[in-house]
Amino acid sequence: MNATDRTPADLLRSALAADPARPLVTFYDDATGERVELSVATFANWVAKTANLLQGEWSAEPGGRVALLLPAHWQTAVWLLACSSVGVIADVGGDPAAADHVVAGPGRFDDGLACPGERIALSLAPLGRRFPAPPAGYADYAVEVPTQGDRFVPYAPVDPEEPALIVAGAEYTSAEVVERARADAPELGLTGPGSRILSALPYDTWEGLSAGLYAALSTGGSVVLCRHLEQLGEDSLAQRIESERVTATAH
C-alpha cells in the first residue's frame, strides 16, 4: 500500500489502483447461509454511492456525526469507508440523539428514532434486499443507494488530523485509524498482499474493526467477515478456512 495514505479512504483508493479485481471483503452469515464476496472495485463502488448519498442527499459535512447502529457486516464496512470519504465521524454504536444522522439495522430501529436528522434503515437481508415497507421514520438504504453516482469527489479534502471514528468510547482521527491498523497488522498475521484474515469479532471495539476491516485494508490483504460463526461446527470452520485460503484468524 502507499506509505503516504493517511485516511481509510486513501487506503481504499490505493487498493483500487493496485488490483481492483481481487477480493476485499467476503461476508458470511451463518444464521442465514449467506455468502457475499466483494472485489475491491465492487466494494469501492458501494462506498462511492453511499458517500454521494451522505454528501449529496443528506448534506453531511466534515465534522458531522453519523451513528452506525449496525453489527459486523459488509454493509457496515461500506458505511465506515463512506464516512471516511466524506470526512464525517462514524460513531459505531453511538448515541443517535447526539448524532446528525443515523444508520440502523434490525433491532435498533426504535433506538435510532432519537436522531433528529436523516435516518436510513438497512435490512441486512441476503443480497441487500429491500424492506417490504421501510420502518417508520426511515428511508430504505436498498432503495436510496442504487440511484447514487458511481464516482465520488468530496466537496472539501478530508483532513487526516480531524476526528473520524468513535468506537467503545474512544475517538480516533483518520491518521490514527491508519497508523493503528498498520501497527495491528503483523500481530494479526497480516503480512502484506495476499494475506487473508477470517474475523468473527464484533464491530463494537477497535479490535473488531481492525481485524474485520482496517488492518487488512492497510496492508493490501482481505477479510473473511463472519457473523453468527458460533453456529458453524469446527469441521465446517476448518473447511471454510481452507476453501477461503485464510492465512490468519480472529474469533
Protein backbone atom coordinates (compact mmCIF):
# COMPACT_ATOMS: atom_id res chain seq x y z
CA MET A 1 0.00 0.00 0.00
CA ASN A 2 1.04 3.62 -0.44
CA ALA A 3 3.03 4.90 2.54
CA THR A 4 1.51 8.35 2.06
CA ASP A 5 -2.05 7.12 2.66
CA ARG A 6 -3.36 8.88 5.76
CA THR A 7 -7.09 8.13 5.78
CA PRO A 8 -9.05 4.89 5.34
CA ALA A 9 -10.44 6.36 2.10
CA ASP A 10 -6.84 6.81 0.88
CA LEU A 11 -6.18 3.14 1.62
CA LEU A 12 -9.18 2.13 -0.45
CA ARG A 13 -8.09 4.31 -3.37
CA SER A 14 -4.64 2.70 -3.30
CA ALA A 15 -6.19 -0.77 -3.19
CA LEU A 16 -8.35 0.13 -6.19
CA ALA A 17 -5.34 1.37 -8.14
CA ALA A 18 -3.25 -1.69 -7.29
CA ASP A 19 -5.66 -4.55 -8.04
CA PRO A 20 -9.35 -3.72 -8.45
CA ALA A 21 -10.40 -7.29 -9.22
CA ARG A 22 -9.06 -9.01 -6.11
CA PRO A 23 -11.42 -9.90 -3.24
CA LEU A 24 -11.52 -7.38 -0.40
CA VAL A 25 -14.45 -8.41 1.81
CA THR A 26 -16.06 -11.85 1.83
CA PHE A 27 -19.04 -11.97 4.17
CA TYR A 28 -20.74 -14.98 5.72
CA ASP A 29 -23.89 -15.04 7.84
CA ASP A 30 -24.12 -18.50 9.34
CA ALA A 31 -27.66 -17.87 10.56
CA THR A 32 -28.95 -17.46 7.00
CA GLY A 33 -26.36 -19.26 4.89
CA GLU A 34 -25.49 -16.04 3.06
CA ARG A 35 -22.13 -15.59 1.37
CA VAL A 36 -21.21 -12.39 -0.43
CA GLU A 37 -17.82 -11.66 -1.99
CA LEU A 38 -16.92 -8.11 -2.91
CA SER A 39 -13.91 -7.27 -5.01
CA VAL A 40 -12.05 -4.03 -4.34
CA ALA A 41 -13.86 -2.47 -7.31
CA THR A 42 -17.33 -3.59 -6.19
CA PHE A 43 -16.72 -2.51 -2.61
CA ALA A 44 -15.39 0.87 -3.77
CA ASN A 45 -18.49 1.34 -5.93
CA TRP A 46 -20.75 0.78 -2.92
CA VAL A 47 -18.62 3.22 -0.94
CA ALA A 48 -18.85 5.87 -3.67
CA LYS A 49 -22.62 5.57 -3.91
CA THR A 50 -23.02 5.72 -0.14
CA ALA A 51 -20.67 8.70 0.13
CA ASN A 52 -22.71 10.50 -2.53
CA LEU A 53 -25.84 9.79 -0.51
CA LEU A 54 -24.19 11.25 2.58
CA GLN A 55 -22.81 14.33 0.92
CA GLY A 56 -25.40 15.00 -1.76
CA GLU A 57 -28.70 13.87 -0.27
CA TRP A 58 -28.00 14.42 3.43
CA SER A 59 -25.70 17.45 3.05
CA ALA A 60 -23.32 15.81 5.52
CA GLU A 61 -20.18 17.84 6.09
CA PRO A 62 -16.75 17.12 7.57
CA GLY A 63 -17.02 17.02 11.34
CA GLY A 64 -20.63 15.86 11.32
CA ARG A 65 -21.52 12.66 13.13
CA VAL A 66 -23.27 9.55 11.85
CA ALA A 67 -24.36 6.94 14.41
CA LEU A 68 -23.92 3.45 13.00
CA LEU A 69 -26.29 1.11 14.83
CA LEU A 70 -25.13 -1.94 12.91
CA PRO A 71 -23.39 -5.28 13.52
CA ALA A 72 -20.24 -6.52 11.82
CA HIS A 73 -21.47 -6.78 8.23
CA TRP A 74 -20.17 -5.96 4.78
CA GLN A 75 -22.60 -3.04 4.52
CA THR A 76 -21.30 -1.66 7.81
CA ALA A 77 -17.80 -1.77 6.32
CA VAL A 78 -19.14 0.21 3.34
CA TRP A 79 -20.57 2.86 5.65
CA LEU A 80 -17.30 3.15 7.58
CA LEU A 81 -15.41 3.89 4.37
CA ALA A 82 -18.14 6.19 3.06
CA CYS A 83 -17.93 8.26 6.24
CA SER A 84 -14.16 8.42 5.81
CA SER A 85 -14.58 9.56 2.20
CA VAL A 86 -16.80 12.50 3.19
CA GLY A 87 -14.92 13.34 6.40
CA VAL A 88 -17.82 12.73 8.77
CA ILE A 89 -17.32 10.90 12.06
CA ALA A 90 -18.51 7.29 12.12
CA ASP A 91 -19.83 6.78 15.66
CA VAL A 92 -20.13 3.00 15.96
CA GLY A 93 -22.98 2.12 18.30
CA GLY A 94 -23.14 5.79 19.30
CA ASP A 95 -25.97 7.77 20.85
CA PRO A 96 -28.34 8.61 18.00
CA ALA A 97 -29.70 11.60 19.91
CA ALA A 98 -26.23 13.18 19.74
CA ALA A 99 -25.71 12.35 16.05
CA ASP A 100 -26.55 14.36 12.95
CA HIS A 101 -27.75 11.25 11.13
CA VAL A 102 -28.30 7.59 11.92
CA VAL A 103 -27.90 4.30 10.07
CA ALA A 104 -29.69 1.43 11.77
CA GLY A 105 -30.20 -2.28 11.31
CA PRO A 106 -32.79 -4.72 12.69
CA GLY A 107 -33.24 -4.47 16.44
CA ARG A 108 -32.05 -0.85 16.56
CA PHE A 109 -34.78 1.00 14.69
CA ASP A 110 -36.56 2.23 17.82
CA ASP A 111 -33.27 3.50 19.24
CA GLY A 112 -32.45 5.37 16.06
CA LEU A 113 -35.65 7.41 16.17
CA ALA A 114 -33.91 9.60 18.78
CA CYS A 115 -31.79 11.08 15.98
CA PRO A 116 -33.11 14.47 14.82
CA GLY A 117 -31.54 14.21 11.37
CA GLU A 118 -31.77 11.85 8.43
CA ARG A 119 -32.36 8.18 9.23
CA ILE A 120 -31.74 5.24 6.96
CA ALA A 121 -32.51 1.57 7.61
CA LEU A 122 -30.63 -1.50 6.40
CA SER A 123 -32.49 -4.80 6.20
CA LEU A 124 -29.21 -6.78 6.37
CA ALA A 125 -31.12 -9.46 4.48
CA PRO A 126 -29.27 -11.64 1.95
CA LEU A 127 -28.49 -9.82 -1.30
CA GLY A 128 -29.21 -6.50 0.42
CA ARG A 129 -32.94 -6.90 -0.15
CA ARG A 130 -35.37 -4.05 0.32
CA PHE A 131 -37.89 -3.92 3.12
CA PRO A 132 -41.47 -4.70 2.10
CA ALA A 133 -42.07 -1.32 3.73
CA PRO A 134 -39.30 0.61 5.49
CA PRO A 135 -39.52 1.08 9.28
CA ALA A 136 -41.48 4.17 10.32
CA GLY A 137 -39.27 7.23 10.31
CA TYR A 138 -36.65 5.72 7.99
CA ALA A 139 -35.66 5.64 4.35
CA ASP A 140 -34.63 2.26 2.90
CA TYR A 141 -30.91 2.07 2.05
CA ALA A 142 -31.58 -0.53 -0.64
CA VAL A 143 -33.93 1.92 -2.37
CA GLU A 144 -31.85 5.08 -1.92
CA VAL A 145 -28.31 3.99 -2.73
CA PRO A 146 -28.61 2.40 -6.22
CA THR A 147 -29.51 5.73 -7.83
CA GLN A 148 -26.42 7.48 -6.49
CA GLY A 149 -23.40 8.23 -8.66
CA ASP A 150 -20.60 5.71 -9.12
CA ARG A 151 -17.86 8.30 -8.67
CA PHE A 152 -17.38 10.33 -5.52
CA VAL A 153 -15.46 13.57 -5.07
CA PRO A 154 -15.58 15.29 -1.67
CA TYR A 155 -16.51 18.95 -1.62
CA ALA A 156 -13.51 19.56 0.63
CA PRO A 157 -10.35 17.48 1.19
CA VAL A 158 -10.56 15.24 4.25
CA ASP A 159 -8.16 16.37 7.00
CA PRO A 160 -6.32 13.31 8.36
CA GLU A 161 -5.92 15.01 11.74
CA GLU A 162 -9.63 15.53 12.32
CA PRO A 163 -11.82 13.02 14.23
CA ALA A 164 -13.02 10.18 12.01
CA LEU A 165 -14.12 7.29 14.22
CA ILE A 166 -15.66 6.75 17.64
CA VAL A 167 -15.88 3.22 19.00
CA ALA A 168 -16.21 1.93 22.56
CA GLY A 169 -15.97 5.50 23.83
CA ALA A 170 -12.61 6.24 22.17
CA GLU A 171 -12.14 8.78 19.39
CA TYR A 172 -9.62 8.43 16.58
CA THR A 173 -8.53 10.72 13.77
CA SER A 174 -8.25 9.35 10.24
CA ALA A 175 -4.47 9.26 10.58
CA GLU A 176 -4.73 7.38 13.87
CA VAL A 177 -7.03 4.78 12.31
CA VAL A 178 -4.47 4.14 9.56
CA GLU A 179 -1.49 4.14 11.92
CA ARG A 180 -3.14 1.79 14.42
CA ALA A 181 -4.34 -0.54 11.66
CA ARG A 182 -0.83 -0.77 10.22
CA ALA A 183 0.59 -1.45 13.68
CA ASP A 184 -2.03 -4.16 14.34
CA ALA A 185 -1.48 -5.98 11.06
CA PRO A 186 1.65 -8.00 11.95
CA GLU A 187 0.14 -9.06 15.29
CA LEU A 188 -2.98 -10.28 13.45
CA GLY A 189 -0.88 -12.25 11.00
CA LEU A 190 -1.44 -9.86 8.10
CA THR A 191 1.91 -9.70 6.37
CA GLY A 192 1.01 -7.92 3.14
CA PRO A 193 -0.79 -8.52 -0.16
CA GLY A 194 -2.30 -11.99 -0.28
CA SER A 195 -2.89 -12.14 3.47
CA ARG A 196 -6.45 -13.11 4.27
CA ILE A 197 -7.93 -12.90 7.76
CA LEU A 198 -11.10 -14.58 8.97
CA SER A 199 -12.72 -12.43 11.66
CA ALA A 200 -15.79 -13.15 13.75
CA LEU A 201 -15.16 -10.28 16.16
CA PRO A 202 -17.98 -7.75 16.57
CA TYR A 203 -17.51 -4.22 15.28
CA ASP A 204 -18.17 -2.61 18.68
CA THR A 205 -14.47 -2.44 19.64
CA TRP A 206 -11.34 -1.16 17.94
CA GLU A 207 -10.02 -4.72 17.88
CA GLY A 208 -13.07 -5.91 15.96
CA LEU A 209 -12.90 -3.06 13.46
CA SER A 210 -9.18 -3.55 12.92
CA ALA A 211 -9.36 -7.33 12.45
CA GLY A 212 -12.57 -7.11 10.42
CA LEU A 213 -11.61 -4.28 8.08
CA TYR A 214 -8.89 -1.72 8.68
CA ALA A 215 -5.80 -3.89 9.21
CA ALA A 216 -6.32 -5.87 6.02
CA LEU A 217 -7.07 -2.69 4.08
CA SER A 218 -3.85 -1.13 5.37
CA THR A 219 -1.67 -3.99 4.11
CA GLY A 220 -3.26 -4.99 0.81
CA GLY A 221 -4.92 -8.01 2.40
CA SER A 222 -8.53 -9.13 2.55
CA VAL A 223 -11.15 -10.09 5.11
CA VAL A 224 -13.48 -13.05 5.51
CA LEU A 225 -16.03 -11.45 7.83
CA CYS A 226 -18.23 -13.96 9.66
CA ARG A 227 -21.45 -13.25 11.53
CA HIS A 228 -23.02 -15.90 13.77
CA LEU A 229 -19.91 -18.05 13.44
CA GLU A 230 -20.88 -19.83 16.65
CA GLN A 231 -23.49 -21.68 14.60
CA LEU A 232 -20.76 -23.29 12.49
CA GLY A 233 -19.18 -26.55 13.64
CA GLU A 234 -15.43 -26.99 13.98
CA ASP A 235 -15.16 -29.19 10.90
CA SER A 236 -17.11 -26.70 8.79
CA LEU A 237 -14.94 -23.86 10.09
CA ALA A 238 -11.82 -25.76 9.12
CA GLN A 239 -13.27 -26.32 5.65
CA ARG A 240 -14.04 -22.60 5.31
CA ILE A 241 -10.52 -21.64 6.36
CA GLU A 242 -9.15 -23.98 3.69
CA SER A 243 -11.58 -23.07 0.91
CA GLU A 244 -11.22 -19.31 1.51
CA ARG A 245 -7.41 -19.60 1.70
CA VAL A 246 -7.41 -17.92 5.09
CA THR A 247 -3.94 -17.13 6.45
CA ALA A 248 -4.96 -15.71 9.87
CA THR A 249 -7.94 -15.79 12.19
CA ALA A 250 -9.50 -13.55 14.85
CA HIS A 251 -12.51 -15.03 16.62
